[in-house]
Amino acid sequence: KNTVYLQMNSLRPEDTAMYYCAARLTWLGCSMRGPDYNYWGQ
């Protein structure tokens, strides 16, 4: 399906946020840093 999922269990109030999907166009340098990503969902 070319789809990524995020299963969220045991949710807490502090999890409240806008959640964004992001893509970096290589596997190299894959990180948890936003500036390393090239494309973003809404």
PDB file of all heavy atoms in Angstrom:
ATOM      1  N   LYS A   1       0.816  -1.213   0.000  1.00  0.00           N
ATOM      2  CA  LYS A   1       0.000   0.000   0.000  1.00  0.00           C
ATOM      3  C   LYS A   1       0.848   1.261   0.000  1.00  0.00           C
ATOM      4  O   LYS A   1       0.300   2.359  -0.090  1.00  0.00           O
ATOM      5  CB  LYS A   1      -0.927   0.003   1.215  1.00  0.00           C
ATOM      6  CG  LYS A   1      -1.936  -1.126   1.244  1.00  0.00           C
ATOM      7  CD  LYS A   1      -2.840  -1.009   2.461  1.00  0.00           C
ATOM      8  CE  LYS A   1      -3.820  -2.162   2.528  1.00  0.00           C
ATOM      9  NZ  LYS A   1      -4.754  -2.152   1.373  1.00  0.00           N
ATOM     10  N   ASN A   2       2.172   1.100   0.126  1.00  0.00           N
ATOM     11  CA  ASN A   2       3.076   2.237   0.233  1.00  0.00           C
ATOM     12  C   ASN A   2       2.596   3.205   1.315  1.00  0.00           C
ATOM     13  O   ASN A   2       2.504   4.418   1.107  1.00  0.00           O
ATOM     14  CB  ASN A   2       3.223   2.957  -1.108  1.00  0.00           C
ATOM     15  CG  ASN A   2       4.537   3.720  -1.206  1.00  0.00           C
ATOM     16  OD1 ASN A   2       5.577   3.251  -0.751  1.00  0.00           O
ATOM     17  ND2 ASN A   2       4.491   4.911  -1.798  1.00  0.00           N
ATOM     18  N   THR A   3       2.317   2.643   2.463  1.00  0.00           N
ATOM     19  CA  THR A   3       1.730   3.387   3.569  1.00  0.00           C
ATOM     20  C   THR A   3       2.510   3.123   4.852  1.00  0.00           C
ATOM     21  O   THR A   3       2.931   1.997   5.110  1.00  0.00           O
ATOM     22  CB  THR A   3       0.259   2.997   3.763  1.00  0.00           C
ATOM     23  OG1 THR A   3      -0.479   3.338   2.584  1.00  0.00           O
ATOM     24  CG2 THR A   3      -0.356   3.718   4.949  1.00  0.00           C
ATOM     25  N   VAL A   4       2.681   4.164   5.638  1.00  0.00           N
ATOM     26  CA  VAL A   4       3.313   4.077   6.949  1.00  0.00           C
ATOM     27  C   VAL A   4       2.250   4.275   8.018  1.00  0.00           C
ATOM     28  O   VAL A   4       1.355   5.117   7.867  1.00  0.00           O
ATOM     29  CB  VAL A   4       4.420   5.131   7.100  1.00  0.00           C
ATOM     30  CG1 VAL A   4       5.078   5.030   8.470  1.00  0.00           C
ATOM     31  CG2 VAL A   4       5.467   4.961   6.011  1.00  0.00           C
ATOM     32  N   TYR A   5       2.360   3.530   9.104  1.00  0.00           N
ATOM     33  CA  TYR A   5       1.385   3.593  10.178  1.00  0.00           C
ATOM     34  C   TYR A   5       2.052   3.959  11.492  1.00  0.00           C
ATOM     35  O   TYR A   5       3.235   3.699  11.710  1.00  0.00           O
ATOM     36  CB  TYR A   5       0.678   2.249  10.355  1.00  0.00           C
ATOM     37  CG  TYR A   5      -0.022   1.755   9.116  1.00  0.00           C
ATOM     38  CD1 TYR A   5       0.593   0.847   8.263  1.00  0.00           C
ATOM     39  CD2 TYR A   5      -1.293   2.207   8.791  1.00  0.00           C
ATOM     40  CE1 TYR A   5      -0.042   0.397   7.119  1.00  0.00           C
ATOM     41  CE2 TYR A   5      -1.933   1.762   7.649  1.00  0.00           C
ATOM     42  CZ  TYR A   5      -1.306   0.857   6.821  1.00  0.00           C
ATOM     43  OH  TYR A   5      -1.940   0.413   5.689  1.00  0.00           O
ATOM     44  N   LEU A   6       1.277   4.540  12.356  1.00  0.00           N
ATOM     45  CA  LEU A   6       1.693   4.765  13.728  1.00  0.00           C
ATOM     46  C   LEU A   6       0.560   4.291  14.632  1.00  0.00           C
ATOM     47  O   LEU A   6      -0.474   4.953  14.730  1.00  0.00           O
ATOM     48  CB  LEU A   6       2.010   6.237  13.997  1.00  0.00           C
ATOM     49  CG  LEU A   6       2.562   6.538  15.390  1.00  0.00           C
ATOM     50  CD1 LEU A   6       3.964   5.946  15.545  1.00  0.00           C
ATOM     51  CD2 LEU A   6       2.593   8.041  15.655  1.00  0.00           C
ATOM     52  N   GLN A   7       0.765   3.147  15.252  1.00  0.00           N
ATOM     53  CA  GLN A   7      -0.193   2.625  16.216  1.00  0.00           C
ATOM     54  C   GLN A   7       0.105   3.239  17.564  1.00  0.00           C
ATOM     55  O   GLN A   7       1.215   3.111  18.078  1.00  0.00           O
ATOM     56  CB  GLN A   7      -0.103   1.103  16.297  1.00  0.00           C
ATOM     57  CG  GLN A   7      -1.043   0.471  17.311  1.00  0.00           C
ATOM     58  CD  GLN A   7      -2.494   0.611  16.929  1.00  0.00           C
ATOM     59  OE1 GLN A   7      -2.859   0.361  15.783  1.00  0.00           O
ATOM     60  NE2 GLN A   7      -3.328   1.023  17.876  1.00  0.00           N
ATOM     61  N   MET A   8      -0.868   3.906  18.143  1.00  0.00           N
ATOM     62  CA  MET A   8      -0.693   4.609  19.400  1.00  0.00           C
ATOM     63  C   MET A   8      -1.614   3.988  20.443  1.00  0.00           C
ATOM     64  O   MET A   8      -2.839   4.061  20.320  1.00  0.00           O
ATOM     65  CB  MET A   8      -0.993   6.097  19.240  1.00  0.00           C
ATOM     66  CG  MET A   8      -0.174   6.764  18.135  1.00  0.00           C
ATOM     67  SD  MET A   8      -0.438   8.553  18.059  1.00  0.00           S
ATOM     68  CE  MET A   8      -2.176   8.591  17.595  1.00  0.00           C
ATOM     69  N   ASN A   9      -1.023   3.393  21.452  1.00  0.00           N
ATOM     70  CA  ASN A   9      -1.763   2.776  22.541  1.00  0.00           C
ATOM     71  C   ASN A   9      -1.481   3.513  23.847  1.00  0.00           C
ATOM     72  O   ASN A   9      -0.512   4.255  23.964  1.00  0.00           O
ATOM     73  CB  ASN A   9      -1.377   1.306  22.690  1.00  0.00           C
ATOM     74  CG  ASN A   9      -1.699   0.479  21.464  1.00  0.00           C
ATOM     75  OD1 ASN A   9      -2.688   0.726  20.774  1.00  0.00           O
ATOM     76  ND2 ASN A   9      -0.872  -0.528  21.200  1.00  0.00           N
ATOM     77  N   SER A  10      -2.330   3.267  24.826  1.00  0.00           N
ATOM     78  CA  SER A  10      -2.166   3.883  26.148  1.00  0.00           C
ATOM     79  C   SER A  10      -1.941   5.380  26.042  1.00  0.00           C
ATOM     80  O   SER A  10      -1.034   5.943  26.659  1.00  0.00           O
ATOM     81  CB  SER A  10      -1.004   3.212  26.896  1.00  0.00           C
ATOM     82  OG  SER A  10      -1.227   1.825  27.041  1.00  0.00           O
ATOM     83  N   LEU A  11      -2.773   6.028  25.272  1.00  0.00           N
ATOM     84  CA  LEU A  11      -2.604   7.452  25.018  1.00  0.00           C
ATOM     85  C   LEU A  11      -2.778   8.271  26.289  1.00  0.00           C
ATOM     86  O   LEU A  11      -3.597   7.947  27.150  1.00  0.00           O
ATOM     87  CB  LEU A  11      -3.580   7.915  23.953  1.00  0.00           C
ATOM     88  CG  LEU A  11      -3.183   7.525  22.524  1.00  0.00           C
ATOM     89  CD1 LEU A  11      -4.372   7.627  21.586  1.00  0.00           C
ATOM     90  CD2 LEU A  11      -2.036   8.399  22.037  1.00  0.00           C
ATOM     91  N   ARG A  12      -2.006   9.324  26.360  1.00  0.00           N
ATOM     92  CA  ARG A  12      -2.005  10.231  27.498  1.00  0.00           C
ATOM     93  C   ARG A  12      -2.346  11.639  27.028  1.00  0.00           C
ATOM     94  O   ARG A  12      -2.123  11.973  25.874  1.00  0.00           O
ATOM     95  CB  ARG A  12      -0.625  10.246  28.161  1.00  0.00           C
ATOM     96  CG  ARG A  12      -0.114   8.881  28.586  1.00  0.00           C
ATOM     97  CD  ARG A  12       1.368   8.941  28.893  1.00  0.00           C
ATOM     98  NE  ARG A  12       1.895   7.645  29.305  1.00  0.00           N
ATOM     99  CZ  ARG A  12       3.179   7.371  29.419  1.00  0.00           C
ATOM    100  NH1 ARG A  12       4.095   8.303  29.159  1.00  0.00           N
ATOM    101  NH2 ARG A  12       3.571   6.158  29.799  1.00  0.00           N
ATOM    102  N   PRO A  13      -2.858  12.477  27.914  1.00  0.00           N
ATOM    103  CA  PRO A  13      -3.153  13.851  27.508  1.00  0.00           C
ATOM    104  C   PRO A  13      -1.958  14.574  26.905  1.00  0.00           C
ATOM    105  O   PRO A  13      -2.135  15.395  25.996  1.00  0.00           O
ATOM    106  CB  PRO A  13      -3.611  14.507  28.815  1.00  0.00           C
ATOM    107  CG  PRO A  13      -4.221  13.388  29.583  1.00  0.00           C
ATOM    108  CD  PRO A  13      -3.359  12.191  29.271  1.00  0.00           C
ATOM    109  N   GLU A  14      -0.766  14.285  27.375  1.00  0.00           N
ATOM    110  CA  GLU A  14       0.417  14.934  26.831  1.00  0.00           C
ATOM    111  C   GLU A  14       0.755  14.487  25.414  1.00  0.00           C
ATOM    112  O   GLU A  14       1.643  15.062  24.783  1.00  0.00           O
ATOM    113  CB  GLU A  14       1.632  14.725  27.749  1.00  0.00           C
ATOM    114  CG  GLU A  14       1.917  13.271  28.076  1.00  0.00           C
ATOM    115  CD  GLU A  14       1.342  12.842  29.417  1.00  0.00           C
ATOM    116  OE1 GLU A  14       0.206  13.251  29.742  1.00  0.00           O
ATOM    117  OE2 GLU A  14       2.027  12.104  30.151  1.00  0.00           O
ATOM    118  N   ASP A  15       0.073  13.471  24.905  1.00  0.00           N
ATOM    119  CA  ASP A  15       0.228  13.076  23.513  1.00  0.00           C
ATOM    120  C   ASP A  15      -0.573  13.964  22.567  1.00  0.00           C
ATOM    121  O   ASP A  15      -0.439  13.826  21.346  1.00  0.00           O
ATOM    122  CB  ASP A  15      -0.196  11.623  23.314  1.00  0.00           C
ATOM    123  CG  ASP A  15       0.695  10.644  24.052  1.00  0.00           C
ATOM    124  OD1 ASP A  15       1.928  10.836  24.050  1.00  0.00           O
ATOM    125  OD2 ASP A  15       0.155   9.671  24.625  1.00  0.00           O
ATOM    126  N   THR A  16      -1.399  14.819  23.101  1.00  0.00           N
ATOM    127  CA  THR A  16      -2.211  15.707  22.284  1.00  0.00           C
ATOM    128  C   THR A  16      -1.323  16.602  21.431  1.00  0.00           C
ATOM    129  O   THR A  16      -0.461  17.312  21.943  1.00  0.00           O
ATOM    130  CB  THR A  16      -3.126  16.566  23.159  1.00  0.00           C
ATOM    131  OG1 THR A  16      -4.055  15.718  23.844  1.00  0.00           O
ATOM    132  CG2 THR A  16      -3.904  17.572  22.324  1.00  0.00           C
ATOM    133  N   ALA A  17      -1.528  16.562  20.124  1.00  0.00           N
ATOM    134  CA  ALA A  17      -0.702  17.327  19.196  1.00  0.00           C
ATOM    135  C   ALA A  17      -1.212  17.111  17.778  1.00  0.00           C
ATOM    136  O   ALA A  17      -2.042  16.241  17.521  1.00  0.00           O
ATOM    137  CB  ALA A  17       0.767  16.895  19.280  1.00  0.00           C
ATOM    138  N   MET A  18      -0.682  17.919  16.873  1.00  0.00           N
ATOM    139  CA  MET A  18      -0.834  17.638  15.460  1.00  0.00           C
ATOM    140  C   MET A  18       0.281  16.682  15.071  1.00  0.00           C
ATOM    141  O   MET A  18       1.455  16.948  15.355  1.00  0.00           O
ATOM    142  CB  MET A  18      -0.755  18.921  14.645  1.00  0.00           C
ATOM    143  CG  MET A  18      -1.029  18.728  13.163  1.00  0.00           C
ATOM    144  SD  MET A  18      -2.785  18.430  12.803  1.00  0.00           S
ATOM    145  CE  MET A  18      -3.445  20.087  13.042  1.00  0.00           C
ATOM    146  N   TYR A  19      -0.073  15.594  14.438  1.00  0.00           N
ATOM    147  CA  TYR A  19       0.893  14.586  14.042  1.00  0.00           C
ATOM    148  C   TYR A  19       1.155  14.670  12.550  1.00  0.00           C
ATOM    149  O   TYR A  19       0.219  14.705  11.746  1.00  0.00           O
ATOM    150  CB  TYR A  19       0.398  13.190  14.416  1.00  0.00           C
ATOM    151  CG  TYR A  19       0.556  12.892  15.886  1.00  0.00           C
ATOM    152  CD1 TYR A  19      -0.249  13.512  16.827  1.00  0.00           C
ATOM    153  CD2 TYR A  19       1.531  11.999  16.330  1.00  0.00           C
ATOM    154  CE1 TYR A  19      -0.092  13.258  18.177  1.00  0.00           C
ATOM    155  CE2 TYR A  19       1.694  11.737  17.681  1.00  0.00           C
ATOM    156  CZ  TYR A  19       0.879  12.370  18.599  1.00  0.00           C
ATOM    157  OH  TYR A  19       1.035  12.102  19.943  1.00  0.00           O
ATOM    158  N   TYR A  20       2.431  14.667  12.185  1.00  0.00           N
ATOM    159  CA  TYR A  20       2.849  14.821  10.806  1.00  0.00           C
ATOM    160  C   TYR A  20       3.657  13.625  10.341  1.00  0.00           C
ATOM    161  O   TYR A  20       4.511  13.114  11.071  1.00  0.00           O
ATOM    162  CB  TYR A  20       3.721  16.067  10.630  1.00  0.00           C
ATOM    163  CG  TYR A  20       3.032  17.363  10.964  1.00  0.00           C
ATOM    164  CD1 TYR A  20       3.080  17.885  12.246  1.00  0.00           C
ATOM    165  CD2 TYR A  20       2.349  18.066   9.978  1.00  0.00           C
ATOM    166  CE1 TYR A  20       2.456  19.079  12.551  1.00  0.00           C
ATOM    167  CE2 TYR A  20       1.723  19.263  10.278  1.00  0.00           C
ATOM    168  CZ  TYR A  20       1.782  19.766  11.561  1.00  0.00           C
ATOM    169  OH  TYR A  20       1.163  20.954  11.855  1.00  0.00           O
ATOM    170  N   CYS A  21       3.411  13.215   9.130  1.00  0.00           N
ATOM    171  CA  CYS A  21       4.230  12.230   8.447  1.00  0.00           C
ATOM    172  C   CYS A  21       5.292  12.959   7.643  1.00  0.00           C
ATOM    173  O   CYS A  21       5.019  14.009   7.058  1.00  0.00           O
ATOM    174  CB  CYS A  21       3.344  11.384   7.533  1.00  0.00           C
ATOM    175  SG  CYS A  21       4.215  10.135   6.561  1.00  0.00           S
ATOM    176  N   ALA A  22       6.499  12.421   7.609  1.00  0.00           N
ATOM    177  CA  ALA A  22       7.593  13.046   6.882  1.00  0.00           C
ATOM    178  C   ALA A  22       8.414  12.000   6.153  1.00  0.00           C
ATOM    179  O   ALA A  22       8.486  10.841   6.574  1.00  0.00           O
ATOM    180  CB  ALA A  22       8.486  13.837   7.838  1.00  0.00           C
ATOM    181  N   ALA A  23       9.042  12.419   5.063  1.00  0.00           N
ATOM    182  CA  ALA A  23       9.863  11.531   4.255  1.00  0.00           C
ATOM    183  C   ALA A  23      11.205  12.166   3.953  1.00  0.00           C
ATOM    184  O   ALA A  23      11.288  13.357   3.645  1.00  0.00           O
ATOM    185  CB  ALA A  23       9.154  11.181   2.945  1.00  0.00           C
ATOM    186  N   ARG A  24      12.243  11.360   4.049  1.00  0.00           N
ATOM    187  CA  ARG A  24      13.574  11.734   3.605  1.00  0.00           C
ATOM    188  C   ARG A  24      13.915  10.824   2.442  1.00  0.00           C
ATOM    189  O   ARG A  24      13.783   9.604   2.557  1.00  0.00           O
ATOM    190  CB  ARG A  24      14.597  11.568   4.727  1.00  0.00           C
ATOM    191  CG  ARG A  24      16.039  11.846   4.313  1.00  0.00           C
ATOM    192  CD  ARG A  24      16.992  11.676   5.502  1.00  0.00           C
ATOM    193  NE  ARG A  24      18.389  11.757   5.101  1.00  0.00           N
ATOM    194  CZ  ARG A  24      19.067  12.885   4.964  1.00  0.00           C
ATOM    195  NH1 ARG A  24      18.475  14.054   5.196  1.00  0.00           N
ATOM    196  NH2 ARG A  24      20.343  12.864   4.599  1.00  0.00           N
ATOM    197  N   LEU A  25      14.378  11.397   1.345  1.00  0.00           N
ATOM    198  CA  LEU A  25      14.564  10.635   0.123  1.00  0.00           C
ATOM    199  C   LEU A  25      15.918   9.942   0.071  1.00  0.00           C
ATOM    200  O   LEU A  25      16.700  10.140  -0.854  1.00  0.00           O
ATOM    201  CB  LEU A  25      14.367  11.532  -1.095  1.00  0.00           C
ATOM    202  CG  LEU A  25      12.992  12.167  -1.227  1.00  0.00           C
ATOM    203  CD1 LEU A  25      12.904  12.975  -2.506  1.00  0.00           C
ATOM    204  CD2 LEU A  25      11.900  11.105  -1.181  1.00  0.00           C
ATOM    205  N   THR A  26      16.195   9.145   1.029  1.00  0.00           N
ATOM    206  CA  THR A  26      17.274   8.167   1.134  1.00  0.00           C
ATOM    207  C   THR A  26      17.145   7.525   2.503  1.00  0.00           C
ATOM    208  O   THR A  26      16.481   8.076   3.388  1.00  0.00           O
ATOM    209  CB  THR A  26      18.706   8.741   1.020  1.00  0.00           C
ATOM    210  OG1 THR A  26      19.046   9.461   2.220  1.00  0.00           O
ATOM    211  CG2 THR A  26      18.848   9.682  -0.172  1.00  0.00           C
ATOM    212  N   TRP A  27      17.779   6.396   2.689  1.00  0.00           N
ATOM    213  CA  TRP A  27      17.836   5.807   4.008  1.00  0.00           C
ATOM    214  C   TRP A  27      19.028   6.333   4.810  1.00  0.00           C
ATOM    215  O   TRP A  27      19.070   6.181   6.039  1.00  0.00           O
ATOM    216  CB  TRP A  27      17.901   4.284   3.924  1.00  0.00           C
ATOM    217  CG  TRP A  27      19.151   3.774   3.266  1.00  0.00           C
ATOM    218  CD1 TRP A  27      20.336   3.464   3.873  1.00  0.00           C
ATOM    219  CD2 TRP A  27      19.332   3.515   1.873  1.00  0.00           C
ATOM    220  NE1 TRP A  27      21.251   3.031   2.941  1.00  0.00           N
ATOM    221  CE2 TRP A  27      20.659   3.045   1.704  1.00  0.00           C
ATOM    222  CE3 TRP A  27      18.516   3.624   0.753  1.00  0.00           C
ATOM    223  CZ2 TRP A  27      21.176   2.699   0.457  1.00  0.00           C
ATOM    224  CZ3 TRP A  27      19.025   3.275  -0.497  1.00  0.00           C
ATOM    225  CH2 TRP A  27      20.338   2.817  -0.630  1.00  0.00           C
ATOM    226  N   LEU A  28      19.991   6.923   4.130  1.00  0.00           N
ATOM    227  CA  LEU A  28      21.149   7.486   4.809  1.00  0.00           C
ATOM    228  C   LEU A  28      20.747   8.748   5.554  1.00  0.00           C
ATOM    229  O   LEU A  28      19.995   9.576   5.047  1.00  0.00           O
ATOM    230  CB  LEU A  28      22.252   7.798   3.810  1.00  0.00           C
ATOM    231  CG  LEU A  28      22.826   6.606   3.044  1.00  0.00           C
ATOM    232  CD1 LEU A  28      23.838   7.076   2.017  1.00  0.00           C
ATOM    233  CD2 LEU A  28      23.466   5.611   4.000  1.00  0.00           C
ATOM    234  N   GLY A  29      21.258   8.899   6.748  1.00  0.00           N
ATOM    235  CA  GLY A  29      20.938  10.067   7.539  1.00  0.00           C
ATOM    236  C   GLY A  29      19.536  10.088   8.101  1.00  0.00           C
ATOM    237  O   GLY A  29      19.046  11.162   8.478  1.00  0.00           O
ATOM    238  N   CYS A  30      18.897   8.948   8.153  1.00  0.00           N
ATOM    239  CA  CYS A  30      17.558   8.866   8.720  1.00  0.00           C
ATOM    240  C   CYS A  30      17.628   9.146  10.215  1.00  0.00           C
ATOM    241  O   CYS A  30      18.397   8.520  10.940  1.00  0.00           O
ATOM    242  CB  CYS A  30      16.967   7.485   8.462  1.00  0.00           C
ATOM    243  SG  CYS A  30      15.198   7.371   8.761  1.00  0.00           S
ATOM    244  N   SER A  31      16.819  10.080  10.662  1.00  0.00           N
ATOM    245  CA  SER A  31      16.983  10.596  12.011  1.00  0.00           C
ATOM    246  C   SER A  31      15.633  10.915  12.642  1.00  0.00           C
ATOM    247  O   SER A  31      14.570  10.669  12.068  1.00  0.00           O
ATOM    248  CB  SER A  31      17.846  11.864  11.987  1.00  0.00           C
ATOM    249  OG  SER A  31      17.108  12.952  11.470  1.00  0.00           O
ATOM    250  N   MET A  32      15.705  11.498  13.831  1.00  0.00           N
ATOM    251  CA  MET A  32      14.544  12.017  14.526  1.00  0.00           C
ATOM    252  C   MET A  32      14.501  13.539  14.475  1.00  0.00           C
ATOM    253  O   MET A  32      13.789  14.175  15.255  1.00  0.00           O
ATOM    254  CB  MET A  32      14.556  11.552  15.983  1.00  0.00           C
ATOM    255  CG  MET A  32      14.508  10.039  16.149  1.00  0.00           C
ATOM    256  SD  MET A  32      12.846   9.380  15.967  1.00  0.00           S
ATOM    257  CE  MET A  32      12.171   9.789  17.572  1.00  0.00           C
ATOM    258  N   ARG A  33      15.268  14.116  13.555  1.00  0.00           N
ATOM    259  CA  ARG A  33      15.355  15.562  13.424  1.00  0.00           C
ATOM    260  C   ARG A  33      14.553  16.038  12.224  1.00  0.00           C
ATOM    261  O   ARG A  33      14.786  15.598  11.101  1.00  0.00           O
ATOM    262  CB  ARG A  33      16.814  16.002  13.265  1.00  0.00           C
ATOM    263  CG  ARG A  33      17.695  15.656  14.447  1.00  0.00           C
ATOM    264  CD  ARG A  33      19.135  16.059  14.182  1.00  0.00           C
ATOM    265  NE  ARG A  33      19.276  17.495  13.980  1.00  0.00           N
ATOM    266  CZ  ARG A  33      19.515  18.066  12.800  1.00  0.00           C
ATOM    267  NH1 ARG A  33      19.646  17.332  11.707  1.00  0.00           N
ATOM    268  NH2 ARG A  33      19.638  19.384  12.716  1.00  0.00           N
ATOM    269  N   GLY A  34      13.655  16.947  12.454  1.00  0.00           N
ATOM    270  CA  GLY A  34      12.831  17.472  11.387  1.00  0.00           C
ATOM    271  C   GLY A  34      13.584  18.030  10.202  1.00  0.00           C
ATOM    272  O   GLY A  34      13.197  17.788   9.052  1.00  0.00           O
ATOM    273  N   PRO A  35      14.671  18.789  10.420  1.00  0.00           N
ATOM    274  CA  PRO A  35      15.402  19.362   9.280  1.00  0.00           C
ATOM    275  C   PRO A  35      16.008  18.336   8.336  1.00  0.00           C
ATOM    276  O   PRO A  35      16.384  18.693   7.214  1.00  0.00           O
ATOM    277  CB  PRO A  35      16.508  20.187   9.954  1.00  0.00           C
ATOM    278  CG  PRO A  35      15.943  20.548  11.279  1.00  0.00           C
ATOM    279  CD  PRO A  35      15.142  19.349  11.686  1.00  0.00           C
ATOM    280  N   ASP A  36      16.106  17.090   8.747  1.00  0.00           N
ATOM    281  CA  ASP A  36      16.666  16.061   7.889  1.00  0.00           C
ATOM    282  C   ASP A  36      15.649  15.494   6.905  1.00  0.00           C
ATOM    283  O   ASP A  36      16.013  14.679   6.057  1.00  0.00           O
ATOM    284  CB  ASP A  36      17.241  14.925   8.726  1.00  0.00           C
ATOM    285  CG  ASP A  36      18.502  15.323   9.465  1.00  0.00           C
ATOM    286  OD1 ASP A  36      19.216  16.227   8.982  1.00  0.00           O
ATOM    287  OD2 ASP A  36      18.779  14.729  10.522  1.00  0.00           O
ATOM    288  N   TYR A  37      14.416  15.920   6.983  1.00  0.00           N
ATOM    289  CA  TYR A  37      13.366  15.404   6.125  1.00  0.00           C
ATOM    290  C   TYR A  37      13.036  16.379   5.008  1.00  0.00           C
ATOM    291  O   TYR A  37      13.124  17.601   5.182  1.00  0.00           O
ATOM    292  CB  TYR A  37      12.120  15.065   6.935  1.00  0.00           C
ATOM    293  CG  TYR A  37      12.326  13.843   7.793  1.00  0.00           C
ATOM    294  CD1 TYR A  37      13.071  13.909   8.961  1.00  0.00           C
ATOM    295  CD2 TYR A  37      11.796  12.609   7.414  1.00  0.00           C
ATOM    296  CE1 TYR A  37      13.293  12.778   9.731  1.00  0.00           C
ATOM    297  CE2 TYR A  37      12.010  11.481   8.185  1.00  0.00           C
ATOM    298  CZ  TYR A  37      12.759  11.571   9.342  1.00  0.00           C
ATOM    299  OH  TYR A  37      12.975  10.450  10.108  1.00  0.00           O
ATOM    300  N   ASN A  38      12.652  15.835   3.879  1.00  0.00           N
ATOM    301  CA  ASN A  38      12.428  16.625   2.678  1.00  0.00           C
ATOM    302  C   ASN A  38      10.970  16.966   2.427  1.00  0.00           C
ATOM    303  O   ASN A  38      10.670  18.019   1.860  1.00  0.00           O
ATOM    304  CB  ASN A  38      12.968  15.877   1.456  1.00  0.00           C
ATOM    305  CG  ASN A  38      14.416  15.457   1.588  1.00  0.00           C
ATOM    306  OD1 ASN A  38      14.720  14.270   1.693  1.00  0.00           O
ATOM    307  ND2 ASN A  38      15.308  16.440   1.594  1.00  0.00           N
ATOM    308  N   TYR A  39      10.075  16.078   2.830  1.00  0.00           N
ATOM    309  CA  TYR A  39       8.667  16.247   2.514  1.00  0.00           C
ATOM    310  C   TYR A  39       7.819  15.985   3.738  1.00  0.00           C
ATOM    311  O   TYR A  39       8.142  15.137   4.576  1.00  0.00           O
ATOM    312  CB  TYR A  39       8.253  15.314   1.374  1.00  0.00           C
ATOM    313  CG  TYR A  39       8.979  15.610   0.087  1.00  0.00           C
ATOM    314  CD1 TYR A  39      10.115  14.895  -0.272  1.00  0.00           C
ATOM    315  CD2 TYR A  39       8.534  16.621  -0.759  1.00  0.00           C
ATOM    316  CE1 TYR A  39      10.796  15.178  -1.444  1.00  0.00           C
ATOM    317  CE2 TYR A  39       9.214  16.910  -1.926  1.00  0.00           C
ATOM    318  CZ  TYR A  39      10.334  16.190  -2.263  1.00  0.00           C
ATOM    319  OH  TYR A  39      11.009  16.482  -3.427  1.00  0.00           O
ATOM    320  N   TRP A  40       6.703  16.706   3.797  1.00  0.00           N
ATOM    321  CA  TRP A  40       5.818  16.647   4.955  1.00  0.00           C
ATOM    322  C   TRP A  40       4.366  16.578   4.530  1.00  0.00           C
ATOM    323  O   TRP A  40       3.959  17.186   3.537  1.00  0.00           O
ATOM    324  CB  TRP A  40       6.007  17.888   5.830  1.00  0.00           C
ATOM    325  CG  TRP A  40       7.370  17.972   6.431  1.00  0.00           C
ATOM    326  CD1 TRP A  40       8.493  18.449   5.839  1.00  0.00           C
ATOM    327  CD2 TRP A  40       7.739  17.558   7.744  1.00  0.00           C
ATOM    328  NE1 TRP A  40       9.560  18.361   6.698  1.00  0.00           N
ATOM    329  CE2 TRP A  40       9.123  17.824   7.873  1.00  0.00           C
ATOM    330  CE3 TRP A  40       7.044  17.004   8.817  1.00  0.00           C
ATOM    331  CZ2 TRP A  40       9.817  17.533   9.048  1.00  0.00           C
ATOM    332  CZ3 TRP A  40       7.728  16.719   9.985  1.00  0.00           C
ATOM    333  CH2 TRP A  40       9.108  16.989  10.083  1.00  0.00           C
ATOM    334  N   GLY A  41       3.591  15.837   5.297  1.00  0.00           N
ATOM    335  CA  GLY A  41       2.158  15.871   5.129  1.00  0.00           C
ATOM    336  C   GLY A  41       1.567  17.079   5.824  1.00  0.00           C
ATOM    337  O   GLY A  41       2.266  17.869   6.466  1.00  0.00           O
ATOM    338  N   GLN A  42       0.272  17.226   5.707  1.00  0.00           N
ATOM    339  CA  GLN A  42      -0.413  18.381   6.289  1.00  0.00           C
ATOM    340  C   GLN A  42      -0.833  18.166   7.733  1.00  0.00           C
ATOM    341  O   GLN A  42      -1.240  19.125   8.394  1.00  0.00           O
ATOM    342  CB  GLN A  42      -1.625  18.749   5.437  1.00  0.00           C
ATOM    343  CG  GLN A  42      -1.241  19.279   4.066  1.00  0.00           C
ATOM    344  CD  GLN A  42      -2.432  19.716   3.255  1.00  0.00           C
ATOM    345  OE1 GLN A  42      -3.358  18.942   3.032  1.00  0.00           O
ATOM    346  NE2 GLN A  42      -2.414  20.970   2.813  1.00  0.00           N
TER     347      GLN A  42
END
